[in-house]
C-alpha cells in the first residue's frame, strides 16, 4: 500500500477555486484546482492512494479507472515538485 504525505516547508493559501502552494525549499508556487485541493486536504496526515481514489470516486462521481489515473498522475507530479512524499 502506497502512503502519501505532504512534504515539510510547504505553505498554502486558499482561493475561490482551489489553493496556491509554495514550496519554500525551491521558491516555486503551484496552483491547485478544486480536485487537486481535495487531494491535498486529504493528505494532512499520511494516506494510502486507494483511500484517495475512493474519496474522488464518491465525491466527484467519476469511474474508478479515471480516479485512479488522475490521482496517480497528480501525486507523481507533486512528488517530482517536492510537494508530496511517499511515506514508508
PDB file of N, CA and C in Angstrom:
ATOM      1  N   UNK A   1       0.843  -1.176   0.000  1.00  0.00           N
ATOM      2  CA  UNK A   1       0.000   0.000   0.000  1.00  0.00           C
ATOM      3  C   UNK A   1       0.894   1.247   0.000  1.00  0.00           C
ATOM      4  N   UNK A   2       0.675   2.151  -0.939  1.00  0.00           N
ATOM      5  CA  UNK A   2       1.460   3.378  -1.024  1.00  0.00           C
ATOM      6  C   UNK A   2       0.814   4.462  -0.175  1.00  0.00           C
ATOM      7  N   UNK A   3       1.574   4.953   0.773  1.00  0.00           N
ATOM      8  CA  UNK A   3       1.093   6.042   1.621  1.00  0.00           C
ATOM      9  C   UNK A   3       1.733   7.338   1.130  1.00  0.00           C
ATOM     10  N   UNK A   4       0.920   8.370   1.020  1.00  0.00           N
ATOM     11  CA  UNK A   4       1.424   9.672   0.583  1.00  0.00           C
ATOM     12  C   UNK A   4       1.248  10.675   1.713  1.00  0.00           C
ATOM     13  N   UNK A   5       2.193  11.610   1.799  1.00  0.00           N
ATOM     14  CA  UNK A   5       2.145  12.644   2.829  1.00  0.00           C
ATOM     15  C   UNK A   5       2.641  13.953   2.228  1.00  0.00           C
ATOM     16  N   UNK A   6       2.274  15.017   2.875  1.00  0.00           N
ATOM     17  CA  UNK A   6       2.757  16.329   2.454  1.00  0.00           C
ATOM     18  C   UNK A   6       4.230  16.468   2.832  1.00  0.00           C
ATOM     19  N   UNK A   7       4.963  17.150   1.996  1.00  0.00           N
ATOM     20  CA  UNK A   7       6.339  17.469   2.346  1.00  0.00           C
ATOM     21  C   UNK A   7       6.344  18.611   3.353  1.00  0.00           C
ATOM     22  N   UNK A   8       7.436  18.751   4.049  1.00  0.00           N
ATOM     23  CA  UNK A   8       7.566  19.846   5.013  1.00  0.00           C
ATOM     24  C   UNK A   8       7.896  21.135   4.259  1.00  0.00           C
ATOM     25  N   UNK A   9       7.703  22.243   4.912  1.00  0.00           N
ATOM     26  CA  UNK A   9       8.013  23.566   4.369  1.00  0.00           C
ATOM     27  C   UNK A   9       7.177  23.953   3.156  1.00  0.00           C
ATOM     28  N   UNK A  10       5.943  23.470   3.116  1.00  0.00           N
ATOM     29  CA  UNK A  10       5.015  23.862   2.057  1.00  0.00           C
ATOM     30  C   UNK A  10       3.989  24.813   2.665  1.00  0.00           C
ATOM     31  N   UNK A  11       3.915  26.004   2.123  1.00  0.00           N
ATOM     32  CA  UNK A  11       2.940  26.995   2.575  1.00  0.00           C
ATOM     33  C   UNK A  11       1.717  26.899   1.670  1.00  0.00           C
ATOM     34  N   UNK A  12       0.556  27.191   2.221  1.00  0.00           N
ATOM     35  CA  UNK A  12      -0.655  27.112   1.411  1.00  0.00           C
ATOM     36  C   UNK A  12      -1.582  28.287   1.690  1.00  0.00           C
ATOM     37  N   UNK A  13      -2.335  28.645   0.670  1.00  0.00           N
ATOM     38  CA  UNK A  13      -3.350  29.690   0.804  1.00  0.00           C
ATOM     39  C   UNK A  13      -4.549  29.276  -0.038  1.00  0.00           C
ATOM     40  N   UNK A  14      -5.745  29.474   0.515  1.00  0.00           N
ATOM     41  CA  UNK A  14      -6.969  29.170  -0.217  1.00  0.00           C
ATOM     42  C   UNK A  14      -7.315  30.321  -1.154  1.00  0.00           C
ATOM     43  N   UNK A  15      -7.925  29.993  -2.269  1.00  0.00           N
ATOM     44  CA  UNK A  15      -8.535  30.998  -3.119  1.00  0.00           C
ATOM     45  C   UNK A  15      -9.838  30.397  -3.635  1.00  0.00           C
ATOM     46  N   UNK A  16     -10.718  31.161  -4.264  1.00  0.00           N
ATOM     47  CA  UNK A  16     -12.073  30.687  -4.544  1.00  0.00           C
ATOM     48  C   UNK A  16     -12.185  29.325  -5.219  1.00  0.00           C
ATOM     49  N   UNK A  17     -11.324  29.002  -6.156  1.00  0.00           N
ATOM     50  CA  UNK A  17     -11.467  27.739  -6.886  1.00  0.00           C
ATOM     51  C   UNK A  17     -10.385  26.711  -6.564  1.00  0.00           C
ATOM     52  N   UNK A  18      -9.649  26.899  -5.483  1.00  0.00           N
ATOM     53  CA  UNK A  18      -8.593  25.943  -5.151  1.00  0.00           C
ATOM     54  C   UNK A  18      -7.630  26.472  -4.117  1.00  0.00           C
ATOM     55  N   UNK A  19      -6.363  26.204  -4.333  1.00  0.00           N
ATOM     56  CA  UNK A  19      -5.317  26.632  -3.405  1.00  0.00           C
ATOM     57  C   UNK A  19      -4.073  27.035  -4.185  1.00  0.00           C
ATOM     58  N   UNK A  20      -3.238  27.795  -3.514  1.00  0.00           N
ATOM     59  CA  UNK A  20      -1.896  28.065  -4.009  1.00  0.00           C
ATOM     60  C   UNK A  20      -0.944  27.473  -2.982  1.00  0.00           C
ATOM     61  N   UNK A  21      -0.008  26.648  -3.454  1.00  0.00           N
ATOM     62  CA  UNK A  21       1.020  26.088  -2.591  1.00  0.00           C
ATOM     63  C   UNK A  21       2.334  26.748  -2.945  1.00  0.00           C
ATOM     64  N   UNK A  22       3.187  26.912  -1.953  1.00  0.00           N
ATOM     65  CA  UNK A  22       4.505  27.490  -2.176  1.00  0.00           C
ATOM     66  C   UNK A  22       5.529  26.579  -1.524  1.00  0.00           C
ATOM     67  N   UNK A  23       6.435  26.051  -2.336  1.00  0.00           N
ATOM     68  CA  UNK A  23       7.495  25.207  -1.833  1.00  0.00           C
ATOM     69  C   UNK A  23       8.648  26.107  -1.403  1.00  0.00           C
ATOM     70  N   UNK A  24       8.827  26.250  -0.104  1.00  0.00           N
ATOM     71  CA  UNK A  24       9.861  27.146   0.421  1.00  0.00           C
ATOM     72  C   UNK A  24      11.264  26.664   0.077  1.00  0.00           C
ATOM     73  N   UNK A  25      11.446  25.380  -0.124  1.00  0.00           N
ATOM     74  CA  UNK A  25      12.768  24.840  -0.458  1.00  0.00           C
ATOM     75  C   UNK A  25      13.195  25.222  -1.876  1.00  0.00           C
ATOM     76  N   UNK A  26      12.228  25.292  -2.801  1.00  0.00           N
ATOM     77  CA  UNK A  26      12.558  25.595  -4.193  1.00  0.00           C
ATOM     78  C   UNK A  26      12.109  26.995  -4.613  1.00  0.00           C
ATOM     79  N   UNK A  27      11.360  27.666  -3.741  1.00  0.00           N
ATOM     80  CA  UNK A  27      10.811  29.006  -4.031  1.00  0.00           C
ATOM     81  C   UNK A  27       9.901  28.997  -5.257  1.00  0.00           C
ATOM     82  N   UNK A  28       9.104  27.930  -5.399  1.00  0.00           N
ATOM     83  CA  UNK A  28       8.193  27.825  -6.536  1.00  0.00           C
ATOM     84  C   UNK A  28       6.759  27.713  -6.054  1.00  0.00           C
ATOM     85  N   UNK A  29       5.856  28.442  -6.709  1.00  0.00           N
ATOM     86  CA  UNK A  29       4.427  28.320  -6.395  1.00  0.00           C
ATOM     87  C   UNK A  29       3.763  27.263  -7.273  1.00  0.00           C
ATOM     88  N   UNK A  30       2.667  26.712  -6.782  1.00  0.00           N
ATOM     89  CA  UNK A  30       1.856  25.738  -7.515  1.00  0.00           C
ATOM     90  C   UNK A  30       0.395  26.076  -7.283  1.00  0.00           C
ATOM     91  N   UNK A  31      -0.376  26.136  -8.342  1.00  0.00           N
ATOM     92  CA  UNK A  31      -1.800  26.444  -8.248  1.00  0.00           C
ATOM     93  C   UNK A  31      -2.575  25.138  -8.393  1.00  0.00           C
ATOM     94  N   UNK A  32      -3.453  24.874  -7.427  1.00  0.00           N
ATOM     95  CA  UNK A  32      -4.258  23.654  -7.441  1.00  0.00           C
ATOM     96  C   UNK A  32      -5.713  23.997  -7.727  1.00  0.00           C
ATOM     97  N   UNK A  33      -6.342  23.210  -8.592  1.00  0.00           N
ATOM     98  CA  UNK A  33      -7.778  23.363  -8.820  1.00  0.00           C
ATOM     99  C   UNK A  33      -8.529  22.687  -7.674  1.00  0.00           C
ATOM    100  N   UNK A  34      -9.836  22.664  -7.740  1.00  0.00           N
ATOM    101  CA  UNK A  34     -10.637  22.103  -6.656  1.00  0.00           C
ATOM    102  C   UNK A  34     -10.362  20.642  -6.376  1.00  0.00           C
ATOM    103  N   UNK A  35     -10.202  19.845  -7.424  1.00  0.00           N
ATOM    104  CA  UNK A  35      -9.936  18.418  -7.236  1.00  0.00           C
ATOM    105  C   UNK A  35      -8.566  18.190  -6.623  1.00  0.00           C
ATOM    106  N   UNK A  36      -7.562  18.871  -7.136  1.00  0.00           N
ATOM    107  CA  UNK A  36      -6.210  18.744  -6.580  1.00  0.00           C
ATOM    108  C   UNK A  36      -6.177  19.239  -5.139  1.00  0.00           C
ATOM    109  N   UNK A  37      -6.936  20.284  -4.849  1.00  0.00           N
ATOM    110  CA  UNK A  37      -7.023  20.795  -3.474  1.00  0.00           C
ATOM    111  C   UNK A  37      -7.622  19.757  -2.536  1.00  0.00           C
ATOM    112  N   UNK A  38      -8.619  19.011  -3.028  1.00  0.00           N
ATOM    113  CA  UNK A  38      -9.227  17.957  -2.212  1.00  0.00           C
ATOM    114  C   UNK A  38      -8.202  16.878  -1.882  1.00  0.00           C
ATOM    115  N   UNK A  39      -7.381  16.511  -2.857  1.00  0.00           N
ATOM    116  CA  UNK A  39      -6.326  15.522  -2.606  1.00  0.00           C
ATOM    117  C   UNK A  39      -5.337  16.060  -1.584  1.00  0.00           C
ATOM    118  N   UNK A  40      -4.922  17.309  -1.744  1.00  0.00           N
ATOM    119  CA  UNK A  40      -4.001  17.943  -0.799  1.00  0.00           C
ATOM    120  C   UNK A  40      -4.587  17.924   0.612  1.00  0.00           C
ATOM    121  N   UNK A  41      -5.853  18.276   0.740  1.00  0.00           N
ATOM    122  CA  UNK A  41      -6.505  18.284   2.053  1.00  0.00           C
ATOM    123  C   UNK A  41      -6.556  16.883   2.659  1.00  0.00           C
ATOM    124  N   UNK A  42      -6.802  15.878   1.837  1.00  0.00           N
ATOM    125  CA  UNK A  42      -6.840  14.504   2.336  1.00  0.00           C
ATOM    126  C   UNK A  42      -5.492  14.059   2.904  1.00  0.00           C
ATOM    127  N   UNK A  43      -4.431  14.658   2.422  1.00  0.00           N
ATOM    128  CA  UNK A  43      -3.089  14.248   2.834  1.00  0.00           C
ATOM    129  C   UNK A  43      -2.554  15.065   4.014  1.00  0.00           C
ATOM    130  N   UNK A  44      -3.441  15.635   4.791  1.00  0.00           N
ATOM    131  CA  UNK A  44      -2.995  16.329   6.016  1.00  0.00           C
ATOM    132  C   UNK A  44      -2.238  15.358   6.918  1.00  0.00           C
ATOM    133  N   UNK A  45      -2.659  14.109   6.854  1.00  0.00           N
ATOM    134  CA  UNK A  45      -1.924  13.031   7.518  1.00  0.00           C
ATOM    135  C   UNK A  45      -1.639  12.002   6.419  1.00  0.00           C
ATOM    136  N   UNK A  46      -0.643  11.162   6.594  1.00  0.00           N
ATOM    137  CA  UNK A  46      -0.356  10.176   5.543  1.00  0.00           C
ATOM    138  C   UNK A  46      -1.604   9.364   5.183  1.00  0.00           C
ATOM    139  N   UNK A  47      -1.805   9.179   3.899  1.00  0.00           N
ATOM    140  CA  UNK A  47      -2.997   8.484   3.427  1.00  0.00           C
ATOM    141  C   UNK A  47      -2.614   7.582   2.265  1.00  0.00           C
ATOM    142  N   UNK A  48      -3.223   6.403   2.216  1.00  0.00           N
ATOM    143  CA  UNK A  48      -2.912   5.499   1.104  1.00  0.00           C
ATOM    144  C   UNK A  48      -3.653   5.944  -0.149  1.00  0.00           C
ATOM    145  N   UNK A  49      -3.041   5.661  -1.288  1.00  0.00           N
ATOM    146  CA  UNK A  49      -3.593   6.130  -2.553  1.00  0.00           C
ATOM    147  C   UNK A  49      -4.975   5.534  -2.830  1.00  0.00           C
ATOM    148  N   UNK A  50      -5.226   4.311  -2.376  1.00  0.00           N
ATOM    149  CA  UNK A  50      -6.551   3.703  -2.591  1.00  0.00           C
ATOM    150  C   UNK A  50      -7.643   4.518  -1.898  1.00  0.00           C
ATOM    151  N   UNK A  51      -7.365   5.034  -0.704  1.00  0.00           N
ATOM    152  CA  UNK A  51      -8.344   5.859   0.013  1.00  0.00           C
ATOM    153  C   UNK A  51      -8.584   7.179  -0.726  1.00  0.00           C
ATOM    154  N   UNK A  52      -7.535   7.739  -1.298  1.00  0.00           N
ATOM    155  CA  UNK A  52      -7.679   8.980  -2.064  1.00  0.00           C
ATOM    156  C   UNK A  52      -8.559   8.729  -3.291  1.00  0.00           C
ATOM    157  N   UNK A  53      -8.309   7.626  -3.979  1.00  0.00           N
ATOM    158  CA  UNK A  53      -9.107   7.271  -5.159  1.00  0.00           C
ATOM    159  C   UNK A  53     -10.572   7.071  -4.762  1.00  0.00           C
ATOM    160  N   UNK A  54     -10.819   6.359  -3.671  1.00  0.00           N
ATOM    161  CA  UNK A  54     -12.206   6.146  -3.208  1.00  0.00           C
ATOM    162  C   UNK A  54     -12.903   7.474  -2.945  1.00  0.00           C
ATOM    163  N   UNK A  55     -12.198   8.389  -2.295  1.00  0.00           N
ATOM    164  CA  UNK A  55     -12.783   9.694  -1.986  1.00  0.00           C
ATOM    165  C   UNK A  55     -13.174  10.427  -3.274  1.00  0.00           C
ATOM    166  N   UNK A  56     -12.298  10.423  -4.259  1.00  0.00           N
ATOM    167  CA  UNK A  56     -12.617  11.109  -5.521  1.00  0.00           C
ATOM    168  C   UNK A  56     -13.792  10.442  -6.235  1.00  0.00           C
ATOM    169  N   UNK A  57     -13.824   9.123  -6.215  1.00  0.00           N
ATOM    170  CA  UNK A  57     -14.935   8.417  -6.851  1.00  0.00           C
ATOM    171  C   UNK A  57     -16.257   8.808  -6.196  1.00  0.00           C
ATOM    172  N   UNK A  58     -16.283   8.812  -4.888  1.00  0.00           N
ATOM    173  CA  UNK A  58     -17.516   9.129  -4.164  1.00  0.00           C
ATOM    174  C   UNK A  58     -17.873  10.608  -4.256  1.00  0.00           C
ATOM    175  N   UNK A  59     -16.882  11.469  -4.104  1.00  0.00           N
ATOM    176  CA  UNK A  59     -17.135  12.902  -4.063  1.00  0.00           C
ATOM    177  C   UNK A  59     -17.397  13.544  -5.410  1.00  0.00           C
ATOM    178  N   UNK A  60     -16.826  12.964  -6.460  1.00  0.00           N
ATOM    179  CA  UNK A  60     -16.931  13.587  -7.774  1.00  0.00           C
ATOM    180  C   UNK A  60     -17.680  12.725  -8.790  1.00  0.00           C
ATOM    181  N   UNK A  61     -18.072  11.510  -8.388  1.00  0.00           N
ATOM    182  CA  UNK A  61     -18.849  10.657  -9.276  1.00  0.00           C
ATOM    183  C   UNK A  61     -18.122  10.245 -10.540  1.00  0.00           C
ATOM    184  N   UNK A  62     -16.836   9.965 -10.439  1.00  0.00           N
ATOM    185  CA  UNK A  62     -16.069   9.526 -11.603  1.00  0.00           C
ATOM    186  C   UNK A  62     -15.790   8.026 -11.480  1.00  0.00           C
ATOM    187  N   UNK A  63     -15.429   7.424 -12.588  1.00  0.00           N
ATOM    188  CA  UNK A  63     -15.147   5.989 -12.594  1.00  0.00           C
ATOM    189  C   UNK A  63     -13.869   5.694 -11.809  1.00  0.00           C
ATOM    190  N   UNK A  64     -13.747   4.451 -11.379  1.00  0.00           N
ATOM    191  CA  UNK A  64     -12.547   4.025 -10.651  1.00  0.00           C
ATOM    192  C   UNK A  64     -11.306   4.186 -11.520  1.00  0.00           C
ATOM    193  N   UNK A  65     -11.424   3.862 -12.799  1.00  0.00           N
ATOM    194  CA  UNK A  65     -10.276   3.970 -13.709  1.00  0.00           C
ATOM    195  C   UNK A  65      -9.817   5.420 -13.847  1.00  0.00           C
ATOM    196  N   UNK A  66     -10.762   6.310 -14.046  1.00  0.00           N
ATOM    197  CA  UNK A  66     -10.388   7.724 -14.200  1.00  0.00           C
ATOM    198  C   UNK A  66      -9.823   8.290 -12.906  1.00  0.00           C
ATOM    199  N   UNK A  67     -10.472   8.002 -11.783  1.00  0.00           N
ATOM    200  CA  UNK A  67      -9.980   8.490 -10.497  1.00  0.00           C
ATOM    201  C   UNK A  67      -8.573   7.968 -10.237  1.00  0.00           C
ATOM    202  N   UNK A  68      -8.339   6.692 -10.519  1.00  0.00           N
ATOM    203  CA  UNK A  68      -7.018   6.108 -10.319  1.00  0.00           C
ATOM    204  C   UNK A  68      -5.956   6.781 -11.164  1.00  0.00           C
ATOM    205  N   UNK A  69      -6.257   6.996 -12.452  1.00  0.00           N
ATOM    206  CA  UNK A  69      -5.303   7.672 -13.347  1.00  0.00           C
ATOM    207  C   UNK A  69      -5.018   9.086 -12.881  1.00  0.00           C
ATOM    208  N   UNK A  70      -6.079   9.837 -12.551  1.00  0.00           N
ATOM    209  CA  UNK A  70      -5.909  11.234 -12.149  1.00  0.00           C
ATOM    210  C   UNK A  70      -5.120  11.360 -10.855  1.00  0.00           C
ATOM    211  N   UNK A  71      -5.412  10.509  -9.889  1.00  0.00           N
ATOM    212  CA  UNK A  71      -4.704  10.562  -8.604  1.00  0.00           C
ATOM    213  C   UNK A  71      -3.235  10.221  -8.800  1.00  0.00           C
ATOM    214  N   UNK A  72      -2.943   9.153  -9.524  1.00  0.00           N
ATOM    215  CA  UNK A  72      -1.545   8.756  -9.739  1.00  0.00           C
ATOM    216  C   UNK A  72      -0.768   9.842 -10.465  1.00  0.00           C
ATOM    217  N   UNK A  73      -1.390  10.437 -11.477  1.00  0.00           N
ATOM    218  CA  UNK A  73      -0.734  11.496 -12.244  1.00  0.00           C
ATOM    219  C   UNK A  73      -0.446  12.713 -11.348  1.00  0.00           C
ATOM    220  N   UNK A  74      -1.445  13.128 -10.573  1.00  0.00           N
ATOM    221  CA  UNK A  74      -1.273  14.276  -9.691  1.00  0.00           C
ATOM    222  C   UNK A  74      -0.194  14.015  -8.641  1.00  0.00           C
ATOM    223  N   UNK A  75      -0.250  12.853  -7.986  1.00  0.00           N
ATOM    224  CA  UNK A  75       0.723  12.548  -6.932  1.00  0.00           C
ATOM    225  C   UNK A  75       2.138  12.456  -7.497  1.00  0.00           C
ATOM    226  N   UNK A  76       2.298  11.889  -8.676  1.00  0.00           N
ATOM    227  CA  UNK A  76       3.617  11.803  -9.302  1.00  0.00           C
ATOM    228  C   UNK A  76       4.168  13.206  -9.581  1.00  0.00           C
ATOM    229  N   UNK A  77       3.306  14.070 -10.091  1.00  0.00           N
ATOM    230  CA  UNK A  77       3.730  15.443 -10.385  1.00  0.00           C
ATOM    231  C   UNK A  77       4.123  16.177  -9.094  1.00  0.00           C
ATOM    232  N   UNK A  78       3.349  15.994  -8.050  1.00  0.00           N
ATOM    233  CA  UNK A  78       3.641  16.655  -6.776  1.00  0.00           C
ATOM    234  C   UNK A  78       4.900  16.087  -6.106  1.00  0.00           C
ATOM    235  N   UNK A  79       5.155  14.795  -6.290  1.00  0.00           N
ATOM    236  CA  UNK A  79       6.396  14.213  -5.767  1.00  0.00           C
ATOM    237  C   UNK A  79       7.602  14.801  -6.495  1.00  0.00           C
ATOM    238  N   UNK A  80       7.521  14.895  -7.816  1.00  0.00           N
ATOM    239  CA  UNK A  80       8.631  15.477  -8.590  1.00  0.00           C
ATOM    240  C   UNK A  80       8.883  16.924  -8.183  1.00  0.00           C
ATOM    241  N   UNK A  81       7.819  17.643  -7.822  1.00  0.00           N
ATOM    242  CA  UNK A  81       7.942  19.054  -7.428  1.00  0.00           C
ATOM    243  C   UNK A  81       8.371  19.218  -5.973  1.00  0.00           C
ATOM    244  N   UNK A  82       8.426  18.113  -5.222  1.00  0.00           N
ATOM    245  CA  UNK A  82       8.808  18.199  -3.815  1.00  0.00           C
ATOM    246  C   UNK A  82       7.674  18.612  -2.900  1.00  0.00           C
ATOM    247  N   UNK A  83       6.437  18.583  -3.401  1.00  0.00           N
ATOM    248  CA  UNK A  83       5.268  18.983  -2.621  1.00  0.00           C
ATOM    249  C   UNK A  83       4.749  17.821  -1.766  1.00  0.00           C
ATOM    250  N   UNK A  84       4.813  16.623  -2.337  1.00  0.00           N
ATOM    251  CA  UNK A  84       4.352  15.419  -1.637  1.00  0.00           C
ATOM    252  C   UNK A  84       5.520  14.444  -1.563  1.00  0.00           C
ATOM    253  N   UNK A  85       5.385  13.498  -0.626  1.00  0.00           N
ATOM    254  CA  UNK A  85       6.415  12.469  -0.493  1.00  0.00           C
ATOM    255  C   UNK A  85       5.748  11.147  -0.166  1.00  0.00           C
ATOM    256  N   UNK A  86       6.446  10.074  -0.502  1.00  0.00           N
ATOM    257  CA  UNK A  86       5.968   8.747  -0.119  1.00  0.00           C
ATOM    258  C   UNK A  86       6.318   8.510   1.338  1.00  0.00           C
ATOM    259  N   UNK A  87       5.376   8.014   2.045  1.00  0.00           N
ATOM    260  CA  UNK A  87       5.563   7.672   3.455  1.00  0.00           C
ATOM    261  C   UNK A  87       5.824   6.174   3.526  1.00  0.00           C
ATOM    262  N   UNK A  88       6.821   5.774   4.264  1.00  0.00           N
ATOM    263  CA  UNK A  88       7.158   4.339   4.357  1.00  0.00           C
ATOM    264  C   UNK A  88       6.468   3.708   5.528  1.00  0.00           C
TER     265      UNK A  88
END
